[in-house]
Amino acid sequence: MTPPTADDRAPSSPPRAVLALRGVGVRYDGRAVLRDVDWEVWPGQRWVVLGRNGSGKSTLVRIASGYQHPSTGEAFVLGEQLGRTDVRRLRPRIGLASASLSHQLRPHLSAADVVMTARFGALEPWWHTYDDDDRRRARTLLGRVGCAPFAERAYGSLSSGERQRVLLARTLMTDPELLLLDEPTAGLDLRGREELVATLAALADDSSFPPSILVTHHVDEIPPGTTHALLLGEGEVLAAGPIDAALTAPTLSACFGLELVLERHDDRWTARATRPAAAALVGEGLSGPGRG
């Protein structure tokens, strides 16, 4: 979806980007993690964020989720400016799934309770009061991600892929206005990855599915239906925009510091080095005999 131009906008109720970063920078202990990032996410868009380890992807997610304020620049999330709004009211409007959340959940919780407790952003069901509608909604969402048979099973007894799909259902419990998925396929085997990618693709076809941002290292994990791509390198935006324009072999090669061939078949992407990675590293003097 292309952001509307000024001429397209009705003066009485202009559309609003769900995420708008303007000149955003983040520094940790004097080290720049993000530099001068300009980025907008609009309703109806499905973004993928690609980059190497340390490129700033996780920091970008923390800003988008309201858990990190920029050191410089301005960040607007769902129309609220970070630093000038109560993030405790903002965060429940955002669906967030990450590996760190999975580690915080008690393994003996049922899958249904894992989903249901998202209503209050809780990790345990006894901290708040839930009703039959909450329980029904949790089960319905588990059904949407293909996990209905697991509703009463202990979360810790599920496979890694099943747990990730339960977490995806959890993100939808509060009808979020923005969905953030931080490396949801990390640690999954091939079957688990493909099941999750298929689930995300099916959800993307649903008009009620919120705008989303998926963070990953691998182009083969990009679900069909993804509309836009952001490529980060050393904390800077290398490319951003509609996926066919932003995700190219040159931009991906610059992103990962390796000459790559990029291919697309049946709305799925693959990438491979033009020569073996070890040889490329030796050629750059980064590995091989004699390196001290």
Foldseek 3Di string as FASTA:
>chain_A
DDDDDPVPADPVDGFDFQKFWAQFWADDPNHTQAGGDTDTHGWLAAEEEAFDPSLNPVVVVCVQQLNDDTPDTWMAHRNRTRVGDDSLVVNLLEQEDDPVVVVVADQQDALLQCQLVSQNPDRGCVVDDDDPVSSVLSLVLCVLLPNNVRRGPGLNVDDLLSNLSSSVSSSPSSLHQEYEYEASCPPPDPVSLVSNLVSVQVLSVDSSRHHYYYYDHFQQSHHQNRFKYWATASNYTLFIDGCVVGDAQVSNCVRHVARWHWDDDPRGIHIDGPDDPVVVCVVVVNDDPPDD
